Amino acid sequence: MASLKKIFILSGICVFLLLPQGADANAASKIADKTIEFTSKTAYYVTKYTLKGGWFILKKASKGVKAVSTSVYRAAGDAFSKNNRNRDSYNSDYYEDGGTLPPPPQIQD
């Protein structure tokens, strides 16, 4: 109840202080125009840079996905092809199909 009285007293003081002042429609219109202008500019720049940031992240993520998918595709192709281009570097004497193992590595002192 006491807080309600305080609210009424404060609102009464505000009404008596603010209402007797003359209102200028031109000033109010300018303030409203500036508020709308700054709000629209703020919304424009927030949207612009949010979209730019999202596009940057999407572009980098798509490059990563492309690199990974290309690597997986090539690895799958190499794994299942008979003429693997990397098999030339292996010694054919010690290949799994021959049933022989390579010699053990040399012991280093």
C-alpha atoms as a PDB file:
ATOM      1  CA  MET A   1       0.000   0.000   0.000  1.00  0.00           C
ATOM      2  CA  ALA A   2       2.851   2.350   0.827  1.00  0.00           C
ATOM      3  CA  SER A   3       4.546   1.623  -2.486  1.00  0.00           C
ATOM      4  CA  LEU A   4       1.300   2.422  -4.320  1.00  0.00           C
ATOM      5  CA  LYS A   5       1.183   5.837  -2.618  1.00  0.00           C
ATOM      6  CA  LYS A   6       4.807   6.466  -3.620  1.00  0.00           C
ATOM      7  CA  ILE A   7       3.989   5.587  -7.234  1.00  0.00           C
ATOM      8  CA  PHE A   8       1.016   7.967  -7.309  1.00  0.00           C
ATOM      9  CA  ILE A   9       3.026  10.792  -5.746  1.00  0.00           C
ATOM     10  CA  LEU A  10       5.937  10.331  -8.169  1.00  0.00           C
ATOM     11  CA  SER A  11       3.630  10.096 -11.179  1.00  0.00           C
ATOM     12  CA  GLY A  12       1.816  13.250 -10.011  1.00  0.00           C
ATOM     13  CA  ILE A  13       5.102  15.131  -9.723  1.00  0.00           C
ATOM     14  CA  CYS A  14       6.103  13.989 -13.215  1.00  0.00           C
ATOM     15  CA  VAL A  15       2.741  15.052 -14.653  1.00  0.00           C
ATOM     16  CA  PHE A  16       2.910  18.501 -13.073  1.00  0.00           C
ATOM     17  CA  LEU A  17       6.504  19.018 -14.195  1.00  0.00           C
ATOM     18  CA  LEU A  18       6.172  17.755 -17.757  1.00  0.00           C
ATOM     19  CA  LEU A  19       2.680  18.799 -18.852  1.00  0.00           C
ATOM     20  CA  PRO A  20       2.862  22.574 -18.354  1.00  0.00           C
ATOM     21  CA  GLN A  21       5.738  22.813 -20.814  1.00  0.00           C
ATOM     22  CA  GLY A  22       4.753  23.830 -24.299  1.00  0.00           C
ATOM     23  CA  ALA A  23       4.978  21.050 -26.856  1.00  0.00           C
ATOM     24  CA  ASP A  24       6.631  21.811 -30.173  1.00  0.00           C
ATOM     25  CA  ALA A  25       5.299  19.529 -32.898  1.00  0.00           C
ATOM     26  CA  ASN A  26       8.233  20.308 -35.161  1.00  0.00           C
ATOM     27  CA  ALA A  27      10.786  19.189 -32.540  1.00  0.00           C
ATOM     28  CA  ALA A  28       8.804  16.043 -31.786  1.00  0.00           C
ATOM     29  CA  SER A  29       8.622  15.252 -35.489  1.00  0.00           C
ATOM     30  CA  LYS A  30      12.379  15.738 -35.892  1.00  0.00           C
ATOM     31  CA  ILE A  31      13.065  13.495 -32.915  1.00  0.00           C
ATOM     32  CA  ALA A  32      10.761  10.810 -34.323  1.00  0.00           C
ATOM     33  CA  ASP A  33      12.392  11.076 -37.757  1.00  0.00           C
ATOM     34  CA  LYS A  34      15.904  10.790 -36.324  1.00  0.00           C
ATOM     35  CA  THR A  35      14.861   7.827 -34.187  1.00  0.00           C
ATOM     36  CA  ILE A  36      13.408   6.048 -37.218  1.00  0.00           C
ATOM     37  CA  GLU A  37      16.464   6.878 -39.319  1.00  0.00           C
ATOM     38  CA  PHE A  38      18.964   5.608 -36.759  1.00  0.00           C
ATOM     39  CA  THR A  39      16.886   2.509 -36.043  1.00  0.00           C
ATOM     40  CA  SER A  40      16.732   1.658 -39.740  1.00  0.00           C
ATOM     41  CA  LYS A  41      20.472   2.268 -40.217  1.00  0.00           C
ATOM     42  CA  THR A  42      21.255   0.110 -37.206  1.00  0.00           C
ATOM     43  CA  ALA A  43      19.024  -2.686 -38.501  1.00  0.00           C
ATOM     44  CA  TYR A  44      20.616  -2.393 -41.941  1.00  0.00           C
ATOM     45  CA  TYR A  45      24.194  -2.670 -40.671  1.00  0.00           C
ATOM     46  CA  VAL A  46      23.411  -5.438 -38.202  1.00  0.00           C
ATOM     47  CA  THR A  47      21.748  -7.429 -40.980  1.00  0.00           C
ATOM     48  CA  LYS A  48      24.516  -6.667 -43.467  1.00  0.00           C
ATOM     49  CA  TYR A  49      27.368  -7.783 -41.245  1.00  0.00           C
ATOM     50  CA  THR A  50      25.454 -10.746 -39.877  1.00  0.00           C
ATOM     51  CA  LEU A  51      24.913 -11.982 -43.428  1.00  0.00           C
ATOM     52  CA  LYS A  52      28.543 -11.306 -44.339  1.00  0.00           C
ATOM     53  CA  GLY A  53      29.717 -13.230 -41.289  1.00  0.00           C
ATOM     54  CA  GLY A  54      27.350 -16.078 -42.037  1.00  0.00           C
ATOM     55  CA  TRP A  55      28.485 -16.186 -45.669  1.00  0.00           C
ATOM     56  CA  PHE A  56      32.140 -16.245 -44.570  1.00  0.00           C
ATOM     57  CA  ILE A  57      31.518 -19.124 -42.163  1.00  0.00           C
ATOM     58  CA  LEU A  58      29.461 -21.002 -44.750  1.00  0.00           C
ATOM     59  CA  LYS A  59      32.153 -20.525 -47.397  1.00  0.00           C
ATOM     60  CA  LYS A  60      34.926 -21.779 -45.120  1.00  0.00           C
ATOM     61  CA  ALA A  61      32.835 -24.715 -43.930  1.00  0.00           C
ATOM     62  CA  SER A  62      31.955 -25.691 -47.494  1.00  0.00           C
ATOM     63  CA  LYS A  63      35.637 -25.619 -48.463  1.00  0.00           C
ATOM     64  CA  GLY A  64      36.370 -27.953 -45.568  1.00  0.00           C
ATOM     65  CA  VAL A  65      33.518 -30.274 -46.498  1.00  0.00           C
ATOM     66  CA  LYS A  66      34.665 -30.294 -50.114  1.00  0.00           C
ATOM     67  CA  ALA A  67      38.242 -31.152 -49.111  1.00  0.00           C
ATOM     68  CA  VAL A  68      37.114 -33.953 -46.819  1.00  0.00           C
ATOM     69  CA  SER A  69      34.644 -35.418 -49.307  1.00  0.00           C
ATOM     70  CA  THR A  70      37.210 -35.254 -52.118  1.00  0.00           C
ATOM     71  CA  SER A  71      39.763 -37.006 -49.928  1.00  0.00           C
ATOM     72  CA  VAL A  72      37.283 -39.708 -48.924  1.00  0.00           C
ATOM     73  CA  TYR A  73      36.250 -40.218 -52.562  1.00  0.00           C
ATOM     74  CA  ARG A  74      39.854 -40.537 -53.704  1.00  0.00           C
ATOM     75  CA  ALA A  75      40.724 -42.854 -50.806  1.00  0.00           C
ATOM     76  CA  ALA A  76      37.774 -45.086 -51.608  1.00  0.00           C
ATOM     77  CA  GLY A  77      38.764 -45.115 -55.269  1.00  0.00           C
ATOM     78  CA  ASP A  78      42.362 -45.991 -54.406  1.00  0.00           C
ATOM     79  CA  ALA A  79      41.322 -48.692 -51.977  1.00  0.00           C
ATOM     80  CA  PHE A  80      39.108 -50.505 -54.459  1.00  0.00           C
ATOM     81  CA  SER A  81      41.054 -50.017 -57.673  1.00  0.00           C
ATOM     82  CA  LYS A  82      43.361 -52.720 -58.989  1.00  0.00           C
ATOM     83  CA  ASN A  83      45.822 -50.331 -60.570  1.00  0.00           C
ATOM     84  CA  ASN A  84      46.576 -48.147 -57.616  1.00  0.00           C
ATOM     85  CA  ARG A  85      48.998 -45.396 -58.505  1.00  0.00           C
ATOM     86  CA  ASN A  86      50.600 -45.601 -55.033  1.00  0.00           C
ATOM     87  CA  ARG A  87      51.409 -49.313 -55.364  1.00  0.00           C
ATOM     88  CA  ASP A  88      54.363 -48.554 -57.629  1.00  0.00           C
ATOM     89  CA  SER A  89      56.309 -47.327 -54.625  1.00  0.00           C
ATOM     90  CA  TYR A  90      55.969 -50.688 -52.850  1.00  0.00           C
ATOM     91  CA  ASN A  91      58.357 -53.526 -53.418  1.00  0.00           C
ATOM     92  CA  SER A  92      56.383 -56.239 -55.215  1.00  0.00           C
ATOM     93  CA  ASP A  93      58.520 -59.005 -53.648  1.00  0.00           C
ATOM     94  CA  TYR A  94      57.007 -58.312 -50.259  1.00  0.00           C
ATOM     95  CA  TYR A  95      53.430 -57.785 -51.225  1.00  0.00           C
ATOM     96  CA  GLU A  96      50.560 -59.424 -49.337  1.00  0.00           C
ATOM     97  CA  ASP A  97      49.630 -61.532 -52.347  1.00  0.00           C
ATOM     98  CA  GLY A  98      53.054 -63.212 -52.403  1.00  0.00           C
ATOM     99  CA  GLY A  99      52.658 -64.616 -48.882  1.00  0.00           C
ATOM    100  CA  THR A 100      56.131 -63.483 -47.851  1.00  0.00           C
ATOM    101  CA  LEU A 101      57.072 -60.967 -45.252  1.00  0.00           C
ATOM    102  CA  PRO A 102      59.751 -58.329 -45.572  1.00  0.00           C
ATOM    103  CA  PRO A 103      62.972 -58.867 -43.660  1.00  0.00           C
ATOM    104  CA  PRO A 104      63.113 -57.503 -40.124  1.00  0.00           C
ATOM    105  CA  PRO A 105      64.618 -54.059 -39.691  1.00  0.00           C
ATOM    106  CA  GLN A 106      68.284 -53.813 -38.865  1.00  0.00           C
ATOM    107  CA  ILE A 107      69.231 -53.431 -35.248  1.00  0.00           C
ATOM    108  CA  GLN A 108      70.925 -50.155 -34.604  1.00  0.00           C
ATOM    109  CA  ASP A 109      73.527 -49.945 -31.869  1.00  0.00           C
END
